Amino acid sequence: MRIEVAGPGCPRCKATQRNVHEALRQLGIDADVFHISDIEEMSKRGVTFTPAVIVDGQIKTSGKVPTVDELKEILSVS
């Protein structure tokens, strides 16, 4: 599983990345987590609002900091 957190590196983006790692830990899932801060790369992936969470190429959430529980739901069905 490849998870990308897209955003400029603001506190909301960092919180999203922390929540992603915590959700993965709680689920016992091993995944590659990357941070995308380049605007062109975000645009290529279709991101218009940050922070965004992209799982295996699909935007799962954007424009808000998802909770650990929301991420667990997203990651358990991906």
Foldseek 3Di string as FASTA:
>chain_A
DEKEWEEQPDPLSVLLVVLLVVLCVVVVHDYHYYYHNDPVVCVVLVADAPGWMADPSRTDDGNGRDHSVVNNVVVVVD
